Amino acid sequence: MTIRCDIYMVMRIMGIDASLATVAVAIVDSGKLDNYSYYKPPKDGALVDRVIYARDWVRAYVKNRQPDTIVIEDYIRYMAGESGAATVIPLAILNCSIQIGLKDIGYDVHTINVNTVRARIKEKTRPKKEEIPELVAKKLGIKFPWVYKKNGSIAAESYDIADAIAVAISAIPIKKQDYLSSGVTPSGAP
């Protein structure tokens, strides 16, 4: 199943969903899921060390997979009742550190707002987090690659992988001119 059809369909787009609990990545190549993975940063230790481990893991993944373009889901600066400085500041540090680390190896990383991602993959209404795996699977014409815990239940990392896939799918512009107004912005842009 082809998601969209034009010159940009031949791009290897890497999507990143980053948090201090799980950093998930996915590559959509020519409209097909090529690869996905996730990393669990250490729960303990100094924030700077945890961020460095995550940044270095993403850099190694990129060096091995060679995407054409990279898009990271932007951190939410504020969501009433859901995010405060204790959450937002570490996410911003992680997000920016990953972008800087990738810039150091020659990649310009683009950001995309979570609301733009969900609007782009929705069918009728804005999807909830638990609906994203099946939505991305449907868009790509695949069976979703669930991650399971030892007890057989679905692991939370499945939803992070789904978010990374959704980020990659959302970065595929419909037409060349749409790329400039797609909601995908180069890092550092206002």
N, C-alpha and C. Protein backbone atom coordinates (compact mmCIF):
# COMPACT_ATOMS: atom_id res chain seq x y z
N MET A 1 0.84 -1.18 0.00
CA MET A 1 0.00 0.00 0.00
C MET A 1 0.88 1.24 0.00
N THR A 2 0.65 2.16 -0.89
CA THR A 2 1.40 3.40 -0.97
C THR A 2 0.64 4.49 -0.23
N ILE A 3 1.35 5.22 0.61
CA ILE A 3 0.69 6.26 1.38
C ILE A 3 0.43 7.49 0.50
N ARG A 4 1.48 7.98 -0.14
CA ARG A 4 1.35 9.15 -1.00
C ARG A 4 2.25 8.93 -2.19
N CYS A 5 1.99 9.62 -3.26
CA CYS A 5 2.67 9.30 -4.50
C CYS A 5 3.30 10.54 -5.14
N ASP A 6 4.58 10.68 -5.07
CA ASP A 6 5.35 11.64 -5.84
C ASP A 6 6.81 11.42 -5.54
N ILE A 7 7.66 12.37 -5.95
CA ILE A 7 9.10 12.21 -5.82
C ILE A 7 9.54 11.98 -4.37
N TYR A 8 8.83 12.53 -3.39
CA TYR A 8 9.23 12.39 -2.00
C TYR A 8 8.98 11.00 -1.44
N MET A 9 8.23 10.18 -2.17
CA MET A 9 7.98 8.81 -1.72
C MET A 9 9.25 7.97 -1.74
N VAL A 10 10.29 8.40 -2.44
CA VAL A 10 11.51 7.62 -2.50
C VAL A 10 12.49 7.98 -1.38
N MET A 11 12.08 8.83 -0.49
CA MET A 11 12.95 9.25 0.61
C MET A 11 12.96 8.22 1.74
N ARG A 12 14.13 8.07 2.36
CA ARG A 12 14.27 7.30 3.60
C ARG A 12 14.10 8.30 4.74
N ILE A 13 12.94 8.30 5.34
CA ILE A 13 12.64 9.27 6.39
C ILE A 13 12.70 8.56 7.74
N MET A 14 13.49 9.12 8.63
CA MET A 14 13.60 8.58 9.98
C MET A 14 12.79 9.45 10.93
N GLY A 15 11.91 8.81 11.68
CA GLY A 15 11.14 9.49 12.71
C GLY A 15 11.69 9.14 14.08
N ILE A 16 11.70 10.12 14.96
CA ILE A 16 12.19 9.91 16.33
C ILE A 16 11.13 10.38 17.32
N ASP A 17 10.85 9.52 18.29
CA ASP A 17 10.00 9.87 19.43
C ASP A 17 10.89 9.73 20.66
N ALA A 18 11.25 10.84 21.27
CA ALA A 18 12.24 10.81 22.35
C ALA A 18 11.66 11.20 23.70
N SER A 19 11.93 10.36 24.68
CA SER A 19 11.65 10.70 26.07
C SER A 19 12.75 10.07 26.91
N LEU A 20 12.81 10.43 28.18
CA LEU A 20 13.83 9.85 29.05
C LEU A 20 13.47 8.42 29.47
N ALA A 21 12.25 7.99 29.16
CA ALA A 21 11.87 6.60 29.43
C ALA A 21 12.25 5.71 28.25
N THR A 22 11.97 6.18 27.02
CA THR A 22 12.24 5.41 25.81
C THR A 22 12.50 6.36 24.65
N VAL A 23 13.53 6.06 23.89
CA VAL A 23 13.78 6.75 22.63
C VAL A 23 13.48 5.74 21.54
N ALA A 24 12.47 6.04 20.72
CA ALA A 24 12.09 5.13 19.64
C ALA A 24 12.40 5.79 18.30
N VAL A 25 12.83 4.95 17.36
CA VAL A 25 13.16 5.43 16.02
C VAL A 25 12.52 4.49 15.00
N ALA A 26 12.21 5.04 13.84
CA ALA A 26 11.67 4.23 12.75
C ALA A 26 12.06 4.86 11.43
N ILE A 27 12.32 4.01 10.45
CA ILE A 27 12.63 4.50 9.11
C ILE A 27 11.56 4.00 8.15
N VAL A 28 10.96 4.96 7.44
CA VAL A 28 10.01 4.64 6.38
C VAL A 28 10.74 4.97 5.08
N ASP A 29 10.91 3.95 4.26
CA ASP A 29 11.64 4.08 3.00
C ASP A 29 10.69 3.82 1.84
N SER A 30 10.52 4.82 1.01
CA SER A 30 9.63 4.70 -0.16
C SER A 30 8.23 4.24 0.25
N GLY A 31 7.75 4.77 1.37
CA GLY A 31 6.40 4.46 1.84
C GLY A 31 6.26 3.12 2.53
N LYS A 32 7.40 2.46 2.84
CA LYS A 32 7.36 1.15 3.53
C LYS A 32 8.20 1.21 4.80
N LEU A 33 7.75 0.52 5.83
CA LEU A 33 8.53 0.46 7.07
C LEU A 33 9.79 -0.35 6.81
N ASP A 34 10.94 0.29 6.95
CA ASP A 34 12.22 -0.36 6.70
C ASP A 34 12.82 -0.92 7.98
N ASN A 35 12.74 -0.14 9.06
CA ASN A 35 13.39 -0.55 10.30
C ASN A 35 12.82 0.26 11.44
N TYR A 36 12.91 -0.30 12.63
CA TYR A 36 12.51 0.41 13.84
C TYR A 36 13.30 -0.16 15.00
N SER A 37 13.43 0.63 16.03
CA SER A 37 14.14 0.18 17.22
C SER A 37 13.81 1.12 18.37
N TYR A 38 14.27 0.75 19.54
CA TYR A 38 14.10 1.64 20.69
C TYR A 38 15.25 1.44 21.66
N TYR A 39 15.46 2.45 22.49
CA TYR A 39 16.51 2.44 23.49
C TYR A 39 15.91 2.91 24.81
N LYS A 40 16.28 2.25 25.88
CA LYS A 40 15.82 2.62 27.22
C LYS A 40 17.00 3.29 27.94
N PRO A 41 16.99 4.63 28.04
CA PRO A 41 18.05 5.29 28.79
C PRO A 41 18.05 4.83 30.25
N PRO A 42 19.20 4.87 30.89
CA PRO A 42 19.23 4.47 32.30
C PRO A 42 18.24 5.31 33.12
N LYS A 43 17.62 4.69 34.10
CA LYS A 43 16.66 5.42 34.95
C LYS A 43 17.38 6.22 36.02
N ASP A 44 18.55 5.76 36.39
CA ASP A 44 19.30 6.41 37.45
C ASP A 44 20.51 7.13 36.87
N GLY A 45 21.05 8.01 37.67
CA GLY A 45 22.24 8.74 37.25
C GLY A 45 21.91 10.18 36.91
N ALA A 46 22.97 10.90 36.64
CA ALA A 46 22.83 12.33 36.32
C ALA A 46 22.11 12.49 34.97
N LEU A 47 21.28 13.51 34.89
CA LEU A 47 20.53 13.79 33.66
C LEU A 47 21.47 13.89 32.47
N VAL A 48 22.60 14.57 32.63
CA VAL A 48 23.51 14.76 31.52
C VAL A 48 24.02 13.42 30.99
N ASP A 49 24.31 12.47 31.88
CA ASP A 49 24.78 11.16 31.45
C ASP A 49 23.68 10.39 30.71
N ARG A 50 22.47 10.46 31.23
CA ARG A 50 21.35 9.76 30.58
C ARG A 50 21.09 10.32 29.19
N VAL A 51 21.19 11.64 29.05
CA VAL A 51 21.00 12.30 27.76
C VAL A 51 22.12 11.91 26.80
N ILE A 52 23.35 11.88 27.27
CA ILE A 52 24.48 11.51 26.41
C ILE A 52 24.33 10.08 25.91
N TYR A 53 23.92 9.15 26.76
CA TYR A 53 23.72 7.76 26.33
C TYR A 53 22.65 7.69 25.22
N ALA A 54 21.56 8.41 25.43
CA ALA A 54 20.47 8.40 24.43
C ALA A 54 20.94 9.03 23.12
N ARG A 55 21.60 10.17 23.22
CA ARG A 55 22.11 10.86 22.02
C ARG A 55 23.06 9.96 21.24
N ASP A 56 23.98 9.31 21.95
CA ASP A 56 24.96 8.45 21.29
C ASP A 56 24.31 7.23 20.65
N TRP A 57 23.26 6.69 21.28
CA TRP A 57 22.54 5.56 20.69
C TRP A 57 21.88 5.98 19.38
N VAL A 58 21.24 7.14 19.37
CA VAL A 58 20.58 7.63 18.15
C VAL A 58 21.62 7.87 17.06
N ARG A 59 22.74 8.47 17.40
CA ARG A 59 23.80 8.72 16.40
C ARG A 59 24.29 7.41 15.79
N ALA A 60 24.51 6.40 16.61
CA ALA A 60 24.97 5.11 16.09
C ALA A 60 23.93 4.50 15.16
N TYR A 61 22.67 4.61 15.54
CA TYR A 61 21.58 4.08 14.71
C TYR A 61 21.58 4.78 13.35
N VAL A 62 21.70 6.10 13.36
CA VAL A 62 21.70 6.88 12.12
C VAL A 62 22.89 6.51 11.24
N LYS A 63 24.06 6.39 11.83
CA LYS A 63 25.25 6.01 11.06
C LYS A 63 25.06 4.66 10.37
N ASN A 64 24.40 3.73 11.05
CA ASN A 64 24.16 2.39 10.48
C ASN A 64 23.06 2.38 9.43
N ARG A 65 22.07 3.25 9.56
CA ARG A 65 20.87 3.19 8.71
C ARG A 65 20.84 4.23 7.60
N GLN A 66 21.61 5.30 7.71
CA GLN A 66 21.75 6.31 6.66
C GLN A 66 20.43 6.84 6.09
N PRO A 67 19.57 7.45 6.91
CA PRO A 67 18.34 8.03 6.36
C PRO A 67 18.64 9.26 5.50
N ASP A 68 17.70 9.60 4.61
CA ASP A 68 17.83 10.81 3.80
C ASP A 68 17.49 12.05 4.62
N THR A 69 16.51 11.91 5.47
CA THR A 69 16.08 13.03 6.31
C THR A 69 15.63 12.50 7.66
N ILE A 70 15.74 13.33 8.67
CA ILE A 70 15.39 12.94 10.04
C ILE A 70 14.41 13.96 10.60
N VAL A 71 13.37 13.43 11.22
CA VAL A 71 12.35 14.28 11.84
C VAL A 71 12.14 13.79 13.27
N ILE A 72 12.17 14.71 14.21
CA ILE A 72 11.95 14.37 15.61
C ILE A 72 10.67 15.06 16.08
N GLU A 73 9.89 14.32 16.85
CA GLU A 73 8.68 14.92 17.41
C GLU A 73 9.11 15.97 18.43
N ASP A 74 8.62 17.18 18.23
CA ASP A 74 8.98 18.28 19.11
C ASP A 74 8.39 18.03 20.50
N TYR A 75 9.10 18.47 21.50
CA TYR A 75 8.59 18.34 22.87
C TYR A 75 7.47 19.35 23.09
N ILE A 76 6.51 18.98 23.90
CA ILE A 76 5.40 19.88 24.21
C ILE A 76 5.88 20.84 25.28
N ARG A 77 5.74 22.11 25.00
CA ARG A 77 6.21 23.11 25.94
C ARG A 77 5.27 23.27 27.13
N TYR A 78 3.99 23.07 26.88
CA TYR A 78 3.02 23.17 27.98
C TYR A 78 1.72 22.51 27.57
N MET A 79 1.18 21.72 28.46
CA MET A 79 -0.14 21.14 28.27
C MET A 79 -0.82 21.18 29.63
N ALA A 80 -1.84 21.99 29.75
CA ALA A 80 -2.50 22.22 31.03
C ALA A 80 -2.77 20.92 31.77
N GLY A 81 -2.30 20.86 33.00
CA GLY A 81 -2.54 19.71 33.85
C GLY A 81 -1.69 18.49 33.55
N GLU A 82 -0.86 18.54 32.49
CA GLU A 82 -0.09 17.36 32.11
C GLU A 82 1.41 17.57 32.10
N SER A 83 1.85 18.80 31.95
CA SER A 83 3.30 19.00 31.87
C SER A 83 3.71 20.21 32.69
N GLY A 84 4.78 20.02 33.40
CA GLY A 84 5.37 21.10 34.16
C GLY A 84 6.85 21.16 33.88
N ALA A 85 7.55 22.05 34.54
CA ALA A 85 8.98 22.23 34.31
C ALA A 85 9.76 20.94 34.53
N ALA A 86 9.36 20.13 35.52
CA ALA A 86 10.09 18.90 35.82
C ALA A 86 10.03 17.91 34.65
N THR A 87 9.01 18.01 33.82
CA THR A 87 8.88 17.15 32.64
C THR A 87 9.45 17.83 31.40
N VAL A 88 9.07 19.07 31.19
CA VAL A 88 9.40 19.77 29.95
C VAL A 88 10.89 20.04 29.82
N ILE A 89 11.54 20.47 30.88
CA ILE A 89 12.96 20.84 30.78
C ILE A 89 13.83 19.64 30.41
N PRO A 90 13.71 18.49 31.08
CA PRO A 90 14.52 17.34 30.64
C PRO A 90 14.21 16.89 29.21
N LEU A 91 12.94 16.95 28.80
CA LEU A 91 12.59 16.59 27.42
C LEU A 91 13.24 17.55 26.42
N ALA A 92 13.23 18.83 26.75
CA ALA A 92 13.84 19.83 25.86
C ALA A 92 15.35 19.58 25.76
N ILE A 93 15.97 19.27 26.88
CA ILE A 93 17.41 18.99 26.88
C ILE A 93 17.70 17.76 26.03
N LEU A 94 16.94 16.70 26.21
CA LEU A 94 17.13 15.47 25.44
C LEU A 94 16.92 15.73 23.94
N ASN A 95 15.82 16.38 23.60
CA ASN A 95 15.47 16.65 22.22
C ASN A 95 16.58 17.47 21.54
N CYS A 96 16.99 18.54 22.18
CA CYS A 96 18.03 19.40 21.60
C CYS A 96 19.38 18.68 21.52
N SER A 97 19.69 17.86 22.51
CA SER A 97 20.96 17.12 22.50
C SER A 97 21.00 16.12 21.34
N ILE A 98 19.88 15.46 21.08
CA ILE A 98 19.81 14.54 19.94
C ILE A 98 20.01 15.32 18.65
N GLN A 99 19.33 16.47 18.53
CA GLN A 99 19.47 17.28 17.32
C GLN A 99 20.91 17.75 17.12
N ILE A 100 21.54 18.21 18.19
CA ILE A 100 22.93 18.67 18.10
C ILE A 100 23.85 17.51 17.73
N GLY A 101 23.63 16.36 18.36
CA GLY A 101 24.45 15.18 18.07
C GLY A 101 24.35 14.76 16.61
N LEU A 102 23.16 14.86 16.04
CA LEU A 102 22.97 14.50 14.63
C LEU A 102 23.52 15.58 13.70
N LYS A 103 23.41 16.82 14.12
CA LYS A 103 23.98 17.92 13.33
C LYS A 103 25.50 17.75 13.24
N ASP A 104 26.10 17.29 14.34
CA ASP A 104 27.55 17.06 14.38
C ASP A 104 28.01 16.01 13.36
N ILE A 105 27.12 15.10 12.95
CA ILE A 105 27.50 14.09 11.96
C ILE A 105 26.89 14.39 10.58
N GLY A 106 26.45 15.64 10.40
CA GLY A 106 26.05 16.08 9.08
C GLY A 106 24.57 16.04 8.74
N TYR A 107 23.72 15.84 9.72
CA TYR A 107 22.27 15.79 9.46
C TYR A 107 21.58 17.03 10.01
N ASP A 108 20.72 17.62 9.18
CA ASP A 108 19.80 18.64 9.66
C ASP A 108 18.56 17.90 10.14
N VAL A 109 18.20 18.11 11.37
CA VAL A 109 17.04 17.43 11.94
C VAL A 109 15.87 18.39 11.93
N HIS A 110 14.74 17.91 11.46
CA HIS A 110 13.52 18.70 11.43
C HIS A 110 12.66 18.33 12.61
N THR A 111 11.83 19.26 13.05
CA THR A 111 10.90 18.99 14.15
C THR A 111 9.48 19.03 13.63
N ILE A 112 8.63 18.28 14.30
CA ILE A 112 7.21 18.28 13.95
C ILE A 112 6.41 18.20 15.25
N ASN A 113 5.40 19.01 15.33
CA ASN A 113 4.56 19.08 16.52
C ASN A 113 3.69 17.83 16.62
N VAL A 114 3.49 17.34 17.83
CA VAL A 114 2.68 16.14 18.04
C VAL A 114 1.27 16.30 17.49
N ASN A 115 0.71 17.49 17.57
CA ASN A 115 -0.63 17.72 17.03
C ASN A 115 -0.66 17.61 15.50
N THR A 116 0.42 18.05 14.86
CA THR A 116 0.53 17.90 13.41
C THR A 116 0.63 16.42 13.04
N VAL A 117 1.42 15.67 13.80
CA VAL A 117 1.55 14.22 13.55
C VAL A 117 0.18 13.56 13.63
N ARG A 118 -0.53 13.81 14.70
CA ARG A 118 -1.83 13.14 14.88
C ARG A 118 -2.84 13.59 13.84
N ALA A 119 -2.80 14.85 13.44
CA ALA A 119 -3.71 15.33 12.40
C ALA A 119 -3.42 14.65 11.07
N ARG A 120 -2.15 14.39 10.79
CA ARG A 120 -1.78 13.78 9.51
C ARG A 120 -2.11 12.30 9.42
N ILE A 121 -2.13 11.61 10.54
CA ILE A 121 -2.40 10.17 10.47
C ILE A 121 -3.84 9.82 10.79
N LYS A 122 -4.61 10.80 11.21
CA LYS A 122 -5.99 10.53 11.61
C LYS A 122 -6.84 10.07 10.43
N GLU A 123 -7.89 9.36 10.76
CA GLU A 123 -8.86 8.98 9.74
C GLU A 123 -10.06 9.91 9.82
N LYS A 124 -10.72 9.94 10.96
CA LYS A 124 -11.86 10.86 11.12
C LYS A 124 -11.65 11.80 12.29
N THR A 125 -11.16 11.26 13.39
CA THR A 125 -10.93 12.09 14.57
C THR A 125 -9.47 11.94 15.00
N ARG A 126 -9.02 12.90 15.79
CA ARG A 126 -7.64 12.87 16.29
C ARG A 126 -7.45 11.59 17.12
N PRO A 127 -6.47 10.77 16.76
CA PRO A 127 -6.31 9.49 17.46
C PRO A 127 -5.72 9.64 18.86
N LYS A 128 -6.11 8.72 19.72
CA LYS A 128 -5.51 8.61 21.04
C LYS A 128 -4.21 7.81 20.88
N LYS A 129 -3.32 7.92 21.85
CA LYS A 129 -2.02 7.25 21.77
C LYS A 129 -2.18 5.75 21.52
N GLU A 130 -3.15 5.13 22.17
CA GLU A 130 -3.31 3.67 22.02
C GLU A 130 -3.88 3.26 20.65
N GLU A 131 -4.35 4.22 19.86
CA GLU A 131 -4.87 3.92 18.52
C GLU A 131 -3.80 4.06 17.43
N ILE A 132 -2.69 4.68 17.76
CA ILE A 132 -1.68 4.98 16.76
C ILE A 132 -1.05 3.72 16.14
N PRO A 133 -0.74 2.67 16.92
CA PRO A 133 -0.15 1.49 16.26
C PRO A 133 -0.99 0.93 15.11
N GLU A 134 -2.27 0.79 15.32
CA GLU A 134 -3.11 0.25 14.26
C GLU A 134 -3.27 1.23 13.10
N LEU A 135 -3.28 2.52 13.39
CA LEU A 135 -3.37 3.52 12.32
C LEU A 135 -2.15 3.50 11.41
N VAL A 136 -0.95 3.47 12.02
CA VAL A 136 0.25 3.46 11.18
C VAL A 136 0.37 2.14 10.43
N ALA A 137 -0.05 1.05 11.05
CA ALA A 137 -0.03 -0.24 10.36
C ALA A 137 -0.94 -0.21 9.15
N LYS A 138 -2.11 0.37 9.31
CA LYS A 138 -3.06 0.46 8.21
C LYS A 138 -2.50 1.33 7.08
N LYS A 139 -1.90 2.47 7.45
CA LYS A 139 -1.34 3.37 6.44
C LYS A 139 -0.21 2.72 5.66
N LEU A 140 0.57 1.87 6.32
CA LEU A 140 1.70 1.21 5.67
C LEU A 140 1.35 -0.15 5.09
N GLY A 141 0.14 -0.64 5.38
CA GLY A 141 -0.28 -1.94 4.87
C GLY A 141 0.50 -3.09 5.50
N ILE A 142 0.76 -2.97 6.82
CA ILE A 142 1.54 -4.00 7.53
C ILE A 142 0.80 -4.45 8.77
N LYS A 143 1.29 -5.51 9.36
CA LYS A 143 0.84 -5.91 10.69
C LYS A 143 1.77 -5.18 11.65
N PHE A 144 1.21 -4.52 12.66
CA PHE A 144 2.06 -3.73 13.56
C PHE A 144 3.02 -4.64 14.32
N PRO A 145 4.29 -4.23 14.43
CA PRO A 145 5.31 -5.04 15.13
C PRO A 145 5.29 -4.84 16.65
N TRP A 146 4.30 -5.40 17.31
CA TRP A 146 4.16 -5.23 18.75
C TRP A 146 5.38 -5.76 19.50
N VAL A 147 5.71 -5.09 20.59
CA VAL A 147 6.75 -5.55 21.52
C VAL A 147 5.99 -6.07 22.73
N TYR A 148 6.37 -7.26 23.20
CA TYR A 148 5.68 -7.88 24.32
C TYR A 148 6.59 -8.02 25.53
N LYS A 149 5.98 -7.91 26.70
CA LYS A 149 6.69 -8.17 27.95
C LYS A 149 6.81 -9.68 28.12
N LYS A 150 7.61 -10.10 29.08
CA LYS A 150 7.79 -11.53 29.35
C LYS A 150 6.47 -12.21 29.71
N ASN A 151 5.55 -11.46 30.32
CA ASN A 151 4.27 -12.05 30.74
C ASN A 151 3.25 -12.11 29.60
N GLY A 152 3.66 -11.65 28.39
CA GLY A 152 2.79 -11.72 27.22
C GLY A 152 1.95 -10.47 26.97
N SER A 153 1.98 -9.52 27.88
CA SER A 153 1.22 -8.28 27.65
C SER A 153 2.01 -7.33 26.75
N ILE A 154 1.32 -6.39 26.15
CA ILE A 154 1.95 -5.43 25.24
C ILE A 154 2.81 -4.46 26.04
N ALA A 155 4.05 -4.30 25.60
CA ALA A 155 4.98 -3.39 26.26
C ALA A 155 4.72 -1.95 25.82
N ALA A 156 4.96 -1.02 26.72
CA ALA A 156 4.78 0.40 26.44
C ALA A 156 5.64 0.86 25.27
N GLU A 157 6.76 0.20 25.03
CA GLU A 157 7.64 0.57 23.92
C GLU A 157 6.95 0.45 22.57
N SER A 158 5.93 -0.40 22.49
CA SER A 158 5.16 -0.52 21.25
C SER A 158 4.57 0.82 20.84
N TYR A 159 4.08 1.56 21.80
CA TYR A 159 3.44 2.85 21.52
C TYR A 159 4.48 3.91 21.15
N ASP A 160 5.68 3.79 21.72
CA ASP A 160 6.76 4.71 21.35
C ASP A 160 7.22 4.43 19.91
N ILE A 161 7.33 3.16 19.55
CA ILE A 161 7.68 2.80 18.18
C ILE A 161 6.61 3.31 17.22
N ALA A 162 5.35 3.13 17.59
CA ALA A 162 4.24 3.62 16.75
C ALA A 162 4.34 5.13 16.56
N ASP A 163 4.69 5.85 17.62
CA ASP A 163 4.84 7.31 17.51
C ASP A 163 5.98 7.67 16.57
N ALA A 164 7.10 6.93 16.64
CA ALA A 164 8.23 7.20 15.73
C ALA A 164 7.83 6.94 14.28
N ILE A 165 7.09 5.86 14.05
CA ILE A 165 6.60 5.57 12.70
C ILE A 165 5.67 6.69 12.24
N ALA A 166 4.77 7.13 13.12
CA ALA A 166 3.84 8.21 12.78
C ALA A 166 4.58 9.49 12.43
N VAL A 167 5.65 9.79 13.15
CA VAL A 167 6.46 10.98 12.86
C VAL A 167 7.04 10.86 11.45
N ALA A 168 7.59 9.70 11.11
CA ALA A 168 8.15 9.52 9.76
C ALA A 168 7.08 9.65 8.70
N ILE A 169 5.93 8.99 8.89
CA ILE A 169 4.84 9.08 7.92
C ILE A 169 4.37 10.52 7.77
N SER A 170 4.27 11.23 8.86
CA SER A 170 3.77 12.61 8.84
C SER A 170 4.71 13.56 8.11
N ALA A 171 5.95 13.18 7.98
CA ALA A 171 6.93 14.04 7.32
C ALA A 171 6.94 13.84 5.80
N ILE A 172 6.16 12.89 5.30
CA ILE A 172 6.11 12.67 3.86
C ILE A 172 5.17 13.72 3.26
N PRO A 173 5.72 14.68 2.54
CA PRO A 173 4.86 15.70 1.94
C PRO A 173 4.06 15.12 0.77
N ILE A 174 2.90 15.69 0.55
CA ILE A 174 2.05 15.23 -0.54
C ILE A 174 2.60 15.74 -1.88
N LYS A 175 2.98 16.98 -1.94
CA LYS A 175 3.55 17.59 -3.15
C LYS A 175 4.74 18.43 -2.73
N LYS A 176 5.60 18.74 -3.68
CA LYS A 176 6.82 19.50 -3.38
C LYS A 176 6.50 20.78 -2.61
N GLN A 177 5.53 21.55 -3.06
CA GLN A 177 5.23 22.82 -2.37
C GLN A 177 4.69 22.59 -0.96
N ASP A 178 4.11 21.40 -0.72
CA ASP A 178 3.59 21.11 0.61
C ASP A 178 4.71 20.94 1.63
N TYR A 179 5.90 20.59 1.15
CA TYR A 179 7.01 20.39 2.08
C TYR A 179 7.31 21.66 2.85
N LEU A 180 7.20 22.79 2.16
CA LEU A 180 7.50 24.06 2.81
C LEU A 180 6.43 24.47 3.82
N SER A 181 5.22 23.96 3.65
CA SER A 181 4.14 24.33 4.56
C SER A 181 3.61 23.09 5.29
N SER A 182 4.45 22.07 5.44
CA SER A 182 3.99 20.79 5.97
C SER A 182 3.90 20.73 7.48
N GLY A 183 4.39 21.75 8.17
CA GLY A 183 4.44 21.65 9.63
C GLY A 183 5.74 21.05 10.09
N VAL A 184 6.60 20.63 9.16
CA VAL A 184 7.92 20.11 9.47
C VAL A 184 8.89 21.26 9.33
N THR A 185 9.58 21.60 10.40
CA THR A 185 10.48 22.74 10.35
C THR A 185 11.90 22.33 10.67
N PRO A 186 12.89 22.97 10.01
CA PRO A 186 14.28 22.66 10.34
C PRO A 186 14.57 23.05 11.79
N SER A 187 15.46 22.32 12.43
CA SER A 187 15.80 22.66 13.81
C SER A 187 16.34 24.08 13.85
N GLY A 188 15.97 24.78 14.88
CA GLY A 188 16.40 26.17 15.05
C GLY A 188 15.46 27.17 14.39
N ALA A 189 14.51 26.70 13.59
CA ALA A 189 13.58 27.63 12.96
C ALA A 189 12.57 28.10 13.98
N PRO A 190 12.03 29.32 13.80
CA PRO A 190 11.05 29.81 14.78
C PRO A 190 9.75 29.04 14.74
